[in-house]
């Protein structure tokens, strides 16, 4: 499970994270400020944390590993 935040909105970060997620079968989500970063990806759950959909929240909660990219791991992001 990869969660990307504001710091992952830099040039090239999106493509690198999409490639890494695809290679490892990781689901993708973002903090609220990075919403839409992974739009169009089959792995995207949209927003994580307090703004997540019920399905996304269940999948994130059940993840064995959560890796944050350019975000803080707080109650609002995980």
PDB file of N, CA and C in Angstrom:
ATOM      1  N   UNK A   1       0.850  -1.149   0.000  1.00  0.00           N
ATOM      2  CA  UNK A   1       0.000   0.000   0.000  1.00  0.00           C
ATOM      3  C   UNK A   1       0.902   1.220   0.000  1.00  0.00           C
ATOM      4  N   UNK A   2       0.785   2.063  -1.033  1.00  0.00           N
ATOM      5  CA  UNK A   2       1.542   3.308  -1.108  1.00  0.00           C
ATOM      6  C   UNK A   2       0.582   4.470  -0.893  1.00  0.00           C
ATOM      7  N   UNK A   3       0.959   5.379  -0.012  1.00  0.00           N
ATOM      8  CA  UNK A   3       0.197   6.607   0.202  1.00  0.00           C
ATOM      9  C   UNK A   3       1.098   7.771  -0.183  1.00  0.00           C
ATOM     10  N   UNK A   4       0.642   8.572  -1.116  1.00  0.00           N
ATOM     11  CA  UNK A   4       1.423   9.719  -1.582  1.00  0.00           C
ATOM     12  C   UNK A   4       0.784  11.014  -1.102  1.00  0.00           C
ATOM     13  N   UNK A   5       1.623  11.959  -0.738  1.00  0.00           N
ATOM     14  CA  UNK A   5       1.141  13.253  -0.276  1.00  0.00           C
ATOM     15  C   UNK A   5       1.674  14.393  -1.112  1.00  0.00           C
ATOM     16  N   UNK A   6       1.589  15.570  -0.551  1.00  0.00           N
ATOM     17  CA  UNK A   6       2.004  16.798  -1.237  1.00  0.00           C
ATOM     18  C   UNK A   6       3.415  16.687  -1.818  1.00  0.00           C
ATOM     19  N   UNK A   7       4.317  16.075  -1.087  1.00  0.00           N
ATOM     20  CA  UNK A   7       5.699  15.956  -1.538  1.00  0.00           C
ATOM     21  C   UNK A   7       5.893  15.041  -2.734  1.00  0.00           C
ATOM     22  N   UNK A   8       4.881  14.252  -3.063  1.00  0.00           N
ATOM     23  CA  UNK A   8       4.974  13.345  -4.213  1.00  0.00           C
ATOM     24  C   UNK A   8       4.404  13.969  -5.482  1.00  0.00           C
ATOM     25  N   UNK A   9       4.046  15.225  -5.412  1.00  0.00           N
ATOM     26  CA  UNK A   9       3.499  15.899  -6.601  1.00  0.00           C
ATOM     27  C   UNK A   9       4.597  16.567  -7.419  1.00  0.00           C
ATOM     28  N   UNK A  10       5.822  16.158  -7.218  1.00  0.00           N
ATOM     29  CA  UNK A  10       6.950  16.726  -7.954  1.00  0.00           C
ATOM     30  C   UNK A  10       7.066  16.069  -9.327  1.00  0.00           C
ATOM     31  N   UNK A  11       7.713  16.741 -10.275  1.00  0.00           N
ATOM     32  CA  UNK A  11       7.844  16.172 -11.620  1.00  0.00           C
ATOM     33  C   UNK A  11       8.507  14.790 -11.594  1.00  0.00           C
ATOM     34  N   UNK A  12       7.892  13.844 -12.244  1.00  0.00           N
ATOM     35  CA  UNK A  12       8.433  12.501 -12.342  1.00  0.00           C
ATOM     36  C   UNK A  12       8.012  11.554 -11.236  1.00  0.00           C
ATOM     37  N   UNK A  13       7.549  12.083 -10.111  1.00  0.00           N
ATOM     38  CA  UNK A  13       7.199  11.221  -8.979  1.00  0.00           C
ATOM     39  C   UNK A  13       6.008  10.322  -9.304  1.00  0.00           C
ATOM     40  N   UNK A  14       4.998  10.874  -9.954  1.00  0.00           N
ATOM     41  CA  UNK A  14       3.805  10.084 -10.277  1.00  0.00           C
ATOM     42  C   UNK A  14       4.177   8.859 -11.105  1.00  0.00           C
ATOM     43  N   UNK A  15       4.907   9.075 -12.183  1.00  0.00           N
ATOM     44  CA  UNK A  15       5.273   7.966 -13.060  1.00  0.00           C
ATOM     45  C   UNK A  15       6.137   6.939 -12.338  1.00  0.00           C
ATOM     46  N   UNK A  16       7.058   7.401 -11.513  1.00  0.00           N
ATOM     47  CA  UNK A  16       7.924   6.485 -10.763  1.00  0.00           C
ATOM     48  C   UNK A  16       7.111   5.649  -9.778  1.00  0.00           C
ATOM     49  N   UNK A  17       6.161   6.278  -9.094  1.00  0.00           N
ATOM     50  CA  UNK A  17       5.335   5.545  -8.135  1.00  0.00           C
ATOM     51  C   UNK A  17       4.390   4.578  -8.830  1.00  0.00           C
ATOM     52  N   UNK A  18       3.838   4.983  -9.968  1.00  0.00           N
ATOM     53  CA  UNK A  18       2.977   4.070 -10.733  1.00  0.00           C
ATOM     54  C   UNK A  18       3.753   2.836 -11.186  1.00  0.00           C
ATOM     55  N   UNK A  19       4.965   3.045 -11.658  1.00  0.00           N
ATOM     56  CA  UNK A  19       5.801   1.926 -12.103  1.00  0.00           C
ATOM     57  C   UNK A  19       6.147   1.006 -10.937  1.00  0.00           C
ATOM     58  N   UNK A  20       6.510   1.596  -9.803  1.00  0.00           N
ATOM     59  CA  UNK A  20       6.861   0.810  -8.623  1.00  0.00           C
ATOM     60  C   UNK A  20       5.652   0.016  -8.113  1.00  0.00           C
ATOM     61  N   UNK A  21       4.487   0.653  -8.076  1.00  0.00           N
ATOM     62  CA  UNK A  21       3.267  -0.022  -7.625  1.00  0.00           C
ATOM     63  C   UNK A  21       2.911  -1.170  -8.558  1.00  0.00           C
ATOM     64  N   UNK A  22       3.035  -0.937  -9.847  1.00  0.00           N
ATOM     65  CA  UNK A  22       2.728  -1.977 -10.822  1.00  0.00           C
ATOM     66  C   UNK A  22       3.681  -3.162 -10.668  1.00  0.00           C
ATOM     67  N   UNK A  23       4.935  -2.872 -10.461  1.00  0.00           N
ATOM     68  CA  UNK A  23       5.949  -3.920 -10.317  1.00  0.00           C
ATOM     69  C   UNK A  23       5.712  -4.782  -9.081  1.00  0.00           C
ATOM     70  N   UNK A  24       5.208  -4.159  -7.995  1.00  0.00           N
ATOM     71  CA  UNK A  24       5.064  -4.872  -6.727  1.00  0.00           C
ATOM     72  C   UNK A  24       3.620  -5.172  -6.344  1.00  0.00           C
ATOM     73  N   UNK A  25       2.672  -4.793  -7.180  1.00  0.00           N
ATOM     74  CA  UNK A  25       1.266  -5.069  -6.882  1.00  0.00           C
ATOM     75  C   UNK A  25       0.728  -4.258  -5.724  1.00  0.00           C
ATOM     76  N   UNK A  26       1.234  -3.049  -5.556  1.00  0.00           N
ATOM     77  CA  UNK A  26       0.808  -2.193  -4.446  1.00  0.00           C
ATOM     78  C   UNK A  26      -0.403  -1.354  -4.836  1.00  0.00           C
ATOM     79  N   UNK A  27      -1.339  -1.243  -3.921  1.00  0.00           N
ATOM     80  CA  UNK A  27      -2.449  -0.312  -4.105  1.00  0.00           C
ATOM     81  C   UNK A  27      -1.931   1.098  -3.883  1.00  0.00           C
ATOM     82  N   UNK A  28      -2.625   2.074  -4.453  1.00  0.00           N
ATOM     83  CA  UNK A  28      -2.216   3.476  -4.360  1.00  0.00           C
ATOM     84  C   UNK A  28      -3.324   4.325  -3.761  1.00  0.00           C
ATOM     85  N   UNK A  29      -2.948   5.238  -2.902  1.00  0.00           N
ATOM     86  CA  UNK A  29      -3.880   6.218  -2.357  1.00  0.00           C
ATOM     87  C   UNK A  29      -3.106   7.511  -2.135  1.00  0.00           C
ATOM     88  N   UNK A  30      -3.827   8.580  -1.902  1.00  0.00           N
ATOM     89  CA  UNK A  30      -3.184   9.871  -1.658  1.00  0.00           C
ATOM     90  C   UNK A  30      -3.756  10.524  -0.414  1.00  0.00           C
ATOM     91  N   UNK A  31      -3.022  11.498   0.082  1.00  0.00           N
ATOM     92  CA  UNK A  31      -3.583  12.382   1.092  1.00  0.00           C
ATOM     93  C   UNK A  31      -4.571  13.298   0.378  1.00  0.00           C
ATOM     94  N   UNK A  32      -5.333  14.049   1.136  1.00  0.00           N
ATOM     95  CA  UNK A  32      -6.336  14.934   0.527  1.00  0.00           C
ATOM     96  C   UNK A  32      -5.702  15.961  -0.404  1.00  0.00           C
ATOM     97  N   UNK A  33      -4.534  16.487  -0.050  1.00  0.00           N
ATOM     98  CA  UNK A  33      -3.919  17.535  -0.880  1.00  0.00           C
ATOM     99  C   UNK A  33      -3.325  17.000  -2.176  1.00  0.00           C
ATOM    100  N   UNK A  34      -3.118  15.696  -2.260  1.00  0.00           N
ATOM    101  CA  UNK A  34      -2.588  15.104  -3.494  1.00  0.00           C
ATOM    102  C   UNK A  34      -3.669  14.349  -4.271  1.00  0.00           C
ATOM    103  N   UNK A  35      -4.908  14.539  -3.880  1.00  0.00           N
ATOM    104  CA  UNK A  35      -6.028  13.834  -4.526  1.00  0.00           C
ATOM    105  C   UNK A  35      -5.950  13.957  -6.044  1.00  0.00           C
ATOM    106  N   UNK A  36      -6.181  12.846  -6.710  1.00  0.00           N
ATOM    107  CA  UNK A  36      -6.155  12.831  -8.163  1.00  0.00           C
ATOM    108  C   UNK A  36      -4.809  12.483  -8.758  1.00  0.00           C
ATOM    109  N   UNK A  37      -3.780  12.388  -7.932  1.00  0.00           N
ATOM    110  CA  UNK A  37      -2.435  12.102  -8.437  1.00  0.00           C
ATOM    111  C   UNK A  37      -2.399  10.806  -9.240  1.00  0.00           C
ATOM    112  N   UNK A  38      -3.148   9.807  -8.801  1.00  0.00           N
ATOM    113  CA  UNK A  38      -3.126   8.505  -9.469  1.00  0.00           C
ATOM    114  C   UNK A  38      -4.387   8.240 -10.289  1.00  0.00           C
ATOM    115  N   UNK A  39      -5.115   9.280 -10.601  1.00  0.00           N
ATOM    116  CA  UNK A  39      -6.341   9.134 -11.394  1.00  0.00           C
ATOM    117  C   UNK A  39      -6.043   8.348 -12.670  1.00  0.00           C
ATOM    118  N   UNK A  40      -6.879   7.375 -12.953  1.00  0.00           N
ATOM    119  CA  UNK A  40      -6.707   6.563 -14.148  1.00  0.00           C
ATOM    120  C   UNK A  40      -5.955   5.268 -13.921  1.00  0.00           C
ATOM    121  N   UNK A  41      -5.322   5.123 -12.772  1.00  0.00           N
ATOM    122  CA  UNK A  41      -4.595   3.893 -12.473  1.00  0.00           C
ATOM    123  C   UNK A  41      -5.556   2.837 -11.929  1.00  0.00           C
ATOM    124  N   UNK A  42      -5.398   1.617 -12.401  1.00  0.00           N
ATOM    125  CA  UNK A  42      -6.214   0.509 -11.898  1.00  0.00           C
ATOM    126  C   UNK A  42      -5.921   0.209 -10.427  1.00  0.00           C
ATOM    127  N   UNK A  43      -4.779   0.650  -9.931  1.00  0.00           N
ATOM    128  CA  UNK A  43      -4.378   0.398  -8.544  1.00  0.00           C
ATOM    129  C   UNK A  43      -4.858   1.487  -7.580  1.00  0.00           C
ATOM    130  N   UNK A  44      -5.419   2.562  -8.086  1.00  0.00           N
ATOM    131  CA  UNK A  44      -5.760   3.721  -7.256  1.00  0.00           C
ATOM    132  C   UNK A  44      -7.019   3.512  -6.419  1.00  0.00           C
ATOM    133  N   UNK A  45      -6.914   3.848  -5.134  1.00  0.00           N
ATOM    134  CA  UNK A  45      -8.054   3.849  -4.218  1.00  0.00           C
ATOM    135  C   UNK A  45      -8.560   5.265  -3.972  1.00  0.00           C
ATOM    136  N   UNK A  46      -7.977   6.251  -4.621  1.00  0.00           N
ATOM    137  CA  UNK A  46      -8.276   7.669  -4.452  1.00  0.00           C
ATOM    138  C   UNK A  46      -7.684   8.148  -3.126  1.00  0.00           C
ATOM    139  N   UNK A  47      -8.472   8.719  -2.253  1.00  0.00           N
ATOM    140  CA  UNK A  47      -7.968   9.362  -1.036  1.00  0.00           C
ATOM    141  C   UNK A  47      -7.943   8.378   0.132  1.00  0.00           C
ATOM    142  N   UNK A  48      -6.938   8.510   0.966  1.00  0.00           N
ATOM    143  CA  UNK A  48      -6.806   7.680   2.161  1.00  0.00           C
ATOM    144  C   UNK A  48      -7.225   8.457   3.404  1.00  0.00           C
ATOM    145  N   UNK A  49      -7.175   7.797   4.531  1.00  0.00           N
ATOM    146  CA  UNK A  49      -7.430   8.442   5.810  1.00  0.00           C
ATOM    147  C   UNK A  49      -8.880   8.815   6.035  1.00  0.00           C
ATOM    148  N   UNK A  50      -9.089   9.932   6.704  1.00  0.00           N
ATOM    149  CA  UNK A  50     -10.423  10.373   7.090  1.00  0.00           C
ATOM    150  C   UNK A  50     -11.355  10.675   5.935  1.00  0.00           C
ATOM    151  N   UNK A  51     -10.814  10.868   4.750  1.00  0.00           N
ATOM    152  CA  UNK A  51     -11.632  11.175   3.578  1.00  0.00           C
ATOM    153  C   UNK A  51     -11.788   9.978   2.646  1.00  0.00           C
ATOM    154  N   UNK A  52     -11.320   8.809   3.052  1.00  0.00           N
ATOM    155  CA  UNK A  52     -11.367   7.609   2.212  1.00  0.00           C
ATOM    156  C   UNK A  52     -12.785   7.070   2.097  1.00  0.00           C
ATOM    157  N   UNK A  53     -13.050   6.408   0.982  1.00  0.00           N
ATOM    158  CA  UNK A  53     -14.317   5.688   0.832  1.00  0.00           C
ATOM    159  C   UNK A  53     -14.291   4.500   1.793  1.00  0.00           C
ATOM    160  N   UNK A  54     -15.449   3.936   2.125  1.00  0.00           N
ATOM    161  CA  UNK A  54     -15.448   2.768   3.012  1.00  0.00           C
ATOM    162  C   UNK A  54     -14.600   1.609   2.473  1.00  0.00           C
ATOM    163  N   UNK A  55     -14.659   1.352   1.173  1.00  0.00           N
ATOM    164  CA  UNK A  55     -13.853   0.279   0.590  1.00  0.00           C
ATOM    165  C   UNK A  55     -12.363   0.578   0.718  1.00  0.00           C
ATOM    166  N   UNK A  56     -11.970   1.799   0.373  1.00  0.00           N
ATOM    167  CA  UNK A  56     -10.560   2.178   0.481  1.00  0.00           C
ATOM    168  C   UNK A  56     -10.091   2.074   1.929  1.00  0.00           C
ATOM    169  N   UNK A  57     -10.904   2.539   2.865  1.00  0.00           N
ATOM    170  CA  UNK A  57     -10.534   2.476   4.282  1.00  0.00           C
ATOM    171  C   UNK A  57     -10.317   1.033   4.725  1.00  0.00           C
ATOM    172  N   UNK A  58     -11.183   0.121   4.287  1.00  0.00           N
ATOM    173  CA  UNK A  58     -11.025  -1.290   4.643  1.00  0.00           C
ATOM    174  C   UNK A  58      -9.741  -1.873   4.063  1.00  0.00           C
ATOM    175  N   UNK A  59      -9.459  -1.561   2.807  1.00  0.00           N
ATOM    176  CA  UNK A  59      -8.253  -2.090   2.170  1.00  0.00           C
ATOM    177  C   UNK A  59      -6.986  -1.518   2.799  1.00  0.00           C
ATOM    178  N   UNK A  60      -6.996  -0.239   3.122  1.00  0.00           N
ATOM    179  CA  UNK A  60      -5.831   0.391   3.742  1.00  0.00           C
ATOM    180  C   UNK A  60      -5.618  -0.166   5.148  1.00  0.00           C
ATOM    181  N   UNK A  61      -6.705  -0.293   5.905  1.00  0.00           N
ATOM    182  CA  UNK A  61      -6.615  -0.829   7.260  1.00  0.00           C
ATOM    183  C   UNK A  61      -6.077  -2.254   7.263  1.00  0.00           C
ATOM    184  N   UNK A  62      -6.423  -3.025   6.249  1.00  0.00           N
ATOM    185  CA  UNK A  62      -5.986  -4.410   6.172  1.00  0.00           C
ATOM    186  C   UNK A  62      -4.624  -4.623   5.542  1.00  0.00           C
ATOM    187  N   UNK A  63      -3.976  -3.550   5.129  1.00  0.00           N
ATOM    188  CA  UNK A  63      -2.671  -3.686   4.463  1.00  0.00           C
ATOM    189  C   UNK A  63      -1.608  -4.195   5.433  1.00  0.00           C
ATOM    190  N   UNK A  64      -0.753  -5.065   4.932  1.00  0.00           N
ATOM    191  CA  UNK A  64       0.366  -5.558   5.736  1.00  0.00           C
ATOM    192  C   UNK A  64       1.460  -4.508   5.877  1.00  0.00           C
ATOM    193  N   UNK A  65       1.565  -3.636   4.889  1.00  0.00           N
ATOM    194  CA  UNK A  65       2.607  -2.611   4.881  1.00  0.00           C
ATOM    195  C   UNK A  65       2.057  -1.354   4.223  1.00  0.00           C
ATOM    196  N   UNK A  66       2.280  -0.212   4.850  1.00  0.00           N
ATOM    197  CA  UNK A  66       1.912   1.083   4.273  1.00  0.00           C
ATOM    198  C   UNK A  66       3.188   1.900   4.145  1.00  0.00           C
ATOM    199  N   UNK A  67       3.485   2.340   2.924  1.00  0.00           N
ATOM    200  CA  UNK A  67       4.670   3.152   2.665  1.00  0.00           C
ATOM    201  C   UNK A  67       4.202   4.536   2.264  1.00  0.00           C
ATOM    202  N   UNK A  68       4.684   5.538   2.962  1.00  0.00           N
ATOM    203  CA  UNK A  68       4.323   6.920   2.654  1.00  0.00           C
ATOM    204  C   UNK A  68       5.376   7.585   1.794  1.00  0.00           C
ATOM    205  N   UNK A  69       4.928   8.295   0.779  1.00  0.00           N
ATOM    206  CA  UNK A  69       5.808   9.030  -0.135  1.00  0.00           C
ATOM    207  C   UNK A  69       5.414  10.500  -0.084  1.00  0.00           C
ATOM    208  N   UNK A  70       6.249  11.312   0.514  1.00  0.00           N
ATOM    209  CA  UNK A  70       5.976  12.747   0.564  1.00  0.00           C
ATOM    210  C   UNK A  70       4.768  13.107   1.402  1.00  0.00           C
ATOM    211  N   UNK A  71       4.505  12.330   2.446  1.00  0.00           N
ATOM    212  CA  UNK A  71       3.357  12.617   3.312  1.00  0.00           C
ATOM    213  C   UNK A  71       3.706  12.278   4.756  1.00  0.00           C
ATOM    214  N   UNK A  72       2.892  12.763   5.652  1.00  0.00           N
ATOM    215  CA  UNK A  72       2.978  12.375   7.056  1.00  0.00           C
ATOM    216  C   UNK A  72       1.979  11.252   7.275  1.00  0.00           C
ATOM    217  N   UNK A  73       2.337  10.269   8.052  1.00  0.00           N
ATOM    218  CA  UNK A  73       1.405   9.178   8.344  1.00  0.00           C
ATOM    219  C   UNK A  73       0.680   9.501   9.641  1.00  0.00           C
ATOM    220  N   UNK A  74      -0.475  10.105   9.487  1.00  0.00           N
ATOM    221  CA  UNK A  74      -1.306  10.509  10.617  1.00  0.00           C
ATOM    222  C   UNK A  74      -2.699   9.914  10.440  1.00  0.00           C
ATOM    223  N   UNK A  75      -3.600  10.227  11.337  1.00  0.00           N
ATOM    224  CA  UNK A  75      -4.980   9.776  11.227  1.00  0.00           C
ATOM    225  C   UNK A  75      -5.688  10.310  10.000  1.00  0.00           C
ATOM    226  N   UNK A  76      -5.170  11.377   9.429  1.00  0.00           N
ATOM    227  CA  UNK A  76      -5.783  11.951   8.231  1.00  0.00           C
ATOM    228  C   UNK A  76      -5.289  11.293   6.954  1.00  0.00           C
ATOM    229  N   UNK A  77      -4.204  10.516   7.047  1.00  0.00           N
ATOM    230  CA  UNK A  77      -3.666   9.888   5.838  1.00  0.00           C
ATOM    231  C   UNK A  77      -3.695   8.370   5.873  1.00  0.00           C
ATOM    232  N   UNK A  78      -3.815   7.758   7.045  1.00  0.00           N
ATOM    233  CA  UNK A  78      -3.813   6.289   7.100  1.00  0.00           C
ATOM    234  C   UNK A  78      -5.016   5.765   7.833  1.00  0.00           C
TER     235      UNK A  78
END
